[in-house]
Amino acid sequence: MIAEARESGKVGIYRPSGHAHTALVSSILAKVPGKDILWEAPQEPQQVWFIKLLGANVNLGNIGPEEVIPGNSPFGPPWRHLLPVPARSSC
């Protein structure tokens, strides 16, 4: 299933402001498992919102190729600020 947003990220599963239509997303998740949904998230805040909601393995789509950062990039994933900071060694 594809949860539509268009390239603007301001329709479908999003409000005109670009924020997620949380009631609609909740209704969809009540009927369809999250793993079976491709969430269109063209804006970075939308991508972050879905990663926080459904975890790092969420299926995101409608992301421009210029915004994709490979996992093996020295810059790390775009959601790196969501990951826990490793504990420092006392050595």
N, C-alpha and C. Protein backbone atom coordinates (compact mmCIF):
# COMPACT_ATOMS: atom_id res chain seq x y z
N MET A 1 0.85 -1.17 0.00
CA MET A 1 0.00 0.00 0.00
C MET A 1 0.89 1.23 0.00
N ILE A 2 0.49 2.25 -0.73
CA ILE A 2 1.23 3.52 -0.76
C ILE A 2 0.37 4.59 -0.11
N ALA A 3 0.92 5.26 0.90
CA ALA A 3 0.26 6.39 1.54
C ALA A 3 0.73 7.65 0.82
N GLU A 4 -0.15 8.25 0.09
CA GLU A 4 0.17 9.33 -0.86
C GLU A 4 0.43 10.67 -0.19
N ALA A 5 1.36 11.43 -0.80
CA ALA A 5 1.65 12.78 -0.31
C ALA A 5 1.93 13.77 -1.44
N ARG A 6 2.20 13.29 -2.62
CA ARG A 6 2.64 14.13 -3.75
C ARG A 6 4.00 14.74 -3.44
N GLU A 7 4.57 15.39 -4.43
CA GLU A 7 5.92 15.95 -4.24
C GLU A 7 5.94 17.11 -3.27
N SER A 8 4.82 17.80 -3.12
CA SER A 8 4.78 18.95 -2.22
C SER A 8 4.81 18.53 -0.76
N GLY A 9 4.32 17.32 -0.45
CA GLY A 9 4.24 16.88 0.95
C GLY A 9 3.21 17.67 1.72
N LYS A 10 2.18 18.17 1.01
CA LYS A 10 1.16 19.00 1.67
C LYS A 10 -0.26 18.54 1.38
N VAL A 11 -0.41 17.29 0.94
CA VAL A 11 -1.72 16.71 0.68
C VAL A 11 -1.70 15.25 1.13
N GLY A 12 -2.82 14.58 1.00
CA GLY A 12 -2.88 13.16 1.35
C GLY A 12 -2.70 12.94 2.84
N ILE A 13 -1.58 12.31 3.21
CA ILE A 13 -1.34 12.00 4.63
C ILE A 13 -0.75 13.19 5.39
N TYR A 14 -0.66 14.34 4.72
CA TYR A 14 -0.14 15.56 5.36
C TYR A 14 -1.16 16.68 5.30
N ARG A 15 -1.06 17.57 6.24
CA ARG A 15 -1.89 18.79 6.26
C ARG A 15 -1.27 19.80 5.28
N PRO A 16 -2.00 20.85 4.92
CA PRO A 16 -1.43 21.89 4.05
C PRO A 16 -0.15 22.51 4.62
N SER A 17 0.02 22.43 5.94
CA SER A 17 1.24 22.96 6.59
C SER A 17 2.45 22.06 6.37
N GLY A 18 2.21 20.81 5.91
CA GLY A 18 3.29 19.84 5.75
C GLY A 18 3.40 18.88 6.93
N HIS A 19 2.70 19.16 8.02
CA HIS A 19 2.71 18.26 9.18
C HIS A 19 1.86 17.03 8.88
N ALA A 20 2.20 15.93 9.51
CA ALA A 20 1.46 14.69 9.31
C ALA A 20 0.01 14.84 9.77
N HIS A 21 -0.88 14.24 9.02
CA HIS A 21 -2.30 14.15 9.39
C HIS A 21 -2.37 12.95 10.33
N THR A 22 -2.10 13.18 11.61
CA THR A 22 -1.91 12.09 12.57
C THR A 22 -3.14 11.20 12.72
N ALA A 23 -4.34 11.77 12.66
CA ALA A 23 -5.55 10.94 12.77
C ALA A 23 -5.66 10.00 11.58
N LEU A 24 -5.34 10.48 10.40
CA LEU A 24 -5.39 9.63 9.21
C LEU A 24 -4.32 8.54 9.28
N VAL A 25 -3.10 8.91 9.68
CA VAL A 25 -2.02 7.92 9.81
C VAL A 25 -2.41 6.85 10.83
N SER A 26 -2.97 7.26 11.95
CA SER A 26 -3.41 6.30 12.97
C SER A 26 -4.49 5.37 12.45
N SER A 27 -5.43 5.91 11.68
CA SER A 27 -6.50 5.10 11.09
C SER A 27 -5.95 4.07 10.12
N ILE A 28 -4.97 4.49 9.33
CA ILE A 28 -4.35 3.57 8.37
C ILE A 28 -3.63 2.46 9.13
N LEU A 29 -2.84 2.83 10.15
CA LEU A 29 -2.09 1.83 10.92
C LEU A 29 -2.99 0.89 11.70
N ALA A 30 -4.21 1.30 12.00
CA ALA A 30 -5.15 0.43 12.71
C ALA A 30 -5.67 -0.68 11.79
N LYS A 31 -5.57 -0.47 10.49
CA LYS A 31 -6.11 -1.44 9.53
C LYS A 31 -5.03 -2.20 8.74
N VAL A 32 -3.86 -1.56 8.57
CA VAL A 32 -2.79 -2.15 7.75
C VAL A 32 -1.49 -2.14 8.55
N PRO A 33 -0.77 -3.25 8.61
CA PRO A 33 0.52 -3.26 9.32
C PRO A 33 1.50 -2.26 8.69
N GLY A 34 2.22 -1.54 9.52
CA GLY A 34 3.17 -0.55 9.05
C GLY A 34 4.18 -1.08 8.05
N LYS A 35 4.58 -2.35 8.21
CA LYS A 35 5.57 -2.95 7.32
C LYS A 35 5.03 -3.13 5.90
N ASP A 36 3.72 -3.03 5.74
CA ASP A 36 3.09 -3.21 4.42
C ASP A 36 2.76 -1.89 3.74
N ILE A 37 3.25 -0.79 4.31
CA ILE A 37 2.92 0.53 3.78
C ILE A 37 4.19 1.26 3.35
N LEU A 38 4.12 1.89 2.18
CA LEU A 38 5.16 2.80 1.73
C LEU A 38 4.64 4.20 1.99
N TRP A 39 5.29 4.90 2.91
CA TRP A 39 4.87 6.25 3.29
C TRP A 39 5.63 7.26 2.45
N GLU A 40 4.92 8.04 1.66
CA GLU A 40 5.59 9.11 0.92
C GLU A 40 5.95 10.20 1.90
N ALA A 41 7.23 10.61 1.87
CA ALA A 41 7.73 11.61 2.81
C ALA A 41 8.77 12.47 2.11
N PRO A 42 8.33 13.39 1.25
CA PRO A 42 9.30 14.17 0.47
C PRO A 42 10.09 15.20 1.27
N GLN A 43 9.61 15.59 2.44
CA GLN A 43 10.31 16.59 3.25
C GLN A 43 11.04 15.91 4.40
N GLU A 44 12.24 16.38 4.71
CA GLU A 44 13.03 15.75 5.77
C GLU A 44 12.30 15.67 7.10
N PRO A 45 11.60 16.73 7.55
CA PRO A 45 10.87 16.60 8.83
C PRO A 45 9.83 15.48 8.79
N GLN A 46 9.24 15.23 7.64
CA GLN A 46 8.28 14.14 7.50
C GLN A 46 8.97 12.79 7.63
N GLN A 47 10.14 12.68 7.04
CA GLN A 47 10.92 11.45 7.14
C GLN A 47 11.29 11.18 8.59
N VAL A 48 11.76 12.20 9.28
CA VAL A 48 12.13 12.07 10.69
C VAL A 48 10.92 11.67 11.53
N TRP A 49 9.77 12.26 11.25
CA TRP A 49 8.55 11.95 11.99
C TRP A 49 8.21 10.47 11.87
N PHE A 50 8.27 9.93 10.65
CA PHE A 50 7.95 8.51 10.46
C PHE A 50 9.01 7.60 11.07
N ILE A 51 10.27 8.00 11.03
CA ILE A 51 11.31 7.19 11.66
C ILE A 51 11.09 7.14 13.16
N LYS A 52 10.74 8.26 13.76
CA LYS A 52 10.45 8.28 15.20
C LYS A 52 9.21 7.45 15.52
N LEU A 53 8.20 7.50 14.65
CA LEU A 53 6.95 6.79 14.90
C LEU A 53 7.10 5.28 14.70
N LEU A 54 7.75 4.87 13.60
CA LEU A 54 7.76 3.45 13.22
C LEU A 54 9.13 2.79 13.23
N GLY A 55 10.18 3.55 13.53
CA GLY A 55 11.51 2.97 13.61
C GLY A 55 12.32 3.09 12.33
N ALA A 56 13.58 2.73 12.43
CA ALA A 56 14.54 2.90 11.33
C ALA A 56 14.23 2.07 10.10
N ASN A 57 13.41 1.03 10.22
CA ASN A 57 13.09 0.18 9.07
C ASN A 57 11.79 0.58 8.39
N VAL A 58 11.28 1.76 8.68
CA VAL A 58 10.06 2.24 8.04
C VAL A 58 10.29 2.36 6.52
N ASN A 59 9.26 2.09 5.75
CA ASN A 59 9.33 2.18 4.29
C ASN A 59 8.97 3.59 3.86
N LEU A 60 9.97 4.37 3.43
CA LEU A 60 9.74 5.75 3.00
C LEU A 60 9.94 5.85 1.50
N GLY A 61 9.14 6.69 0.86
CA GLY A 61 9.26 6.90 -0.57
C GLY A 61 9.06 8.36 -0.91
N ASN A 62 9.19 8.66 -2.20
CA ASN A 62 9.05 10.01 -2.73
C ASN A 62 10.11 10.94 -2.14
N ILE A 63 11.32 10.41 -2.05
CA ILE A 63 12.47 11.17 -1.55
C ILE A 63 13.37 11.42 -2.75
N GLY A 64 13.70 12.67 -2.99
CA GLY A 64 14.53 13.03 -4.13
C GLY A 64 15.90 12.39 -4.06
N PRO A 65 16.45 11.97 -5.21
CA PRO A 65 17.76 11.31 -5.21
C PRO A 65 18.88 12.17 -4.62
N GLU A 66 18.74 13.47 -4.71
CA GLU A 66 19.76 14.36 -4.15
C GLU A 66 19.72 14.38 -2.63
N GLU A 67 18.65 13.87 -2.04
CA GLU A 67 18.51 13.84 -0.58
C GLU A 67 18.93 12.51 0.04
N VAL A 68 19.19 11.51 -0.78
CA VAL A 68 19.56 10.19 -0.27
C VAL A 68 21.03 10.18 0.12
N ILE A 69 21.32 9.75 1.32
CA ILE A 69 22.70 9.59 1.78
C ILE A 69 22.91 8.11 2.04
N PRO A 70 23.79 7.46 1.27
CA PRO A 70 24.00 6.01 1.47
C PRO A 70 24.45 5.71 2.90
N GLY A 71 24.05 4.55 3.39
CA GLY A 71 24.42 4.14 4.74
C GLY A 71 25.91 4.05 4.97
N ASN A 72 26.69 3.82 3.89
CA ASN A 72 28.14 3.72 4.03
C ASN A 72 28.83 5.05 3.77
N SER A 73 28.08 6.12 3.67
CA SER A 73 28.65 7.45 3.44
C SER A 73 29.37 7.92 4.70
N PRO A 74 30.48 8.67 4.53
CA PRO A 74 31.16 9.22 5.72
C PRO A 74 30.29 10.22 6.47
N PHE A 75 29.25 10.72 5.82
CA PHE A 75 28.36 11.68 6.47
C PHE A 75 27.28 10.99 7.29
N GLY A 76 27.12 9.68 7.10
CA GLY A 76 26.14 8.92 7.86
C GLY A 76 24.73 9.15 7.35
N PRO A 77 23.76 8.46 7.93
CA PRO A 77 22.38 8.61 7.50
C PRO A 77 21.82 9.96 7.90
N PRO A 78 20.83 10.48 7.17
CA PRO A 78 20.29 11.79 7.50
C PRO A 78 19.58 11.83 8.85
N TRP A 79 19.25 10.69 9.41
CA TRP A 79 18.56 10.65 10.70
C TRP A 79 19.55 10.37 11.84
N ARG A 80 20.85 10.55 11.59
CA ARG A 80 21.87 10.22 12.59
C ARG A 80 21.64 10.94 13.92
N HIS A 81 21.04 12.13 13.90
CA HIS A 81 20.80 12.86 15.14
C HIS A 81 19.73 12.19 16.00
N LEU A 82 19.03 11.18 15.47
CA LEU A 82 18.02 10.46 16.25
C LEU A 82 18.61 9.26 16.98
N LEU A 83 19.83 8.87 16.60
CA LEU A 83 20.45 7.69 17.17
C LEU A 83 21.06 8.01 18.52
N PRO A 84 21.10 7.04 19.44
CA PRO A 84 21.71 7.30 20.75
C PRO A 84 23.21 7.56 20.60
N VAL A 85 23.73 8.41 21.45
CA VAL A 85 25.16 8.72 21.44
C VAL A 85 25.88 7.61 22.19
N PRO A 86 26.91 7.01 21.55
CA PRO A 86 27.64 5.94 22.24
C PRO A 86 28.34 6.46 23.49
N ALA A 87 28.41 5.62 24.51
CA ALA A 87 29.11 5.98 25.74
C ALA A 87 30.59 6.10 25.48
N ARG A 88 31.23 7.08 26.09
CA ARG A 88 32.67 7.28 25.93
C ARG A 88 33.43 6.32 26.83
N SER A 89 34.55 5.88 26.32
CA SER A 89 35.42 5.00 27.10
C SER A 89 36.17 5.84 28.11
N SER A 90 36.40 5.28 29.29
CA SER A 90 37.14 6.00 30.33
C SER A 90 38.64 5.80 30.24
N CYS A 91 39.11 5.12 29.19
CA CYS A 91 40.53 4.85 29.04
C CYS A 91 41.30 6.06 28.60
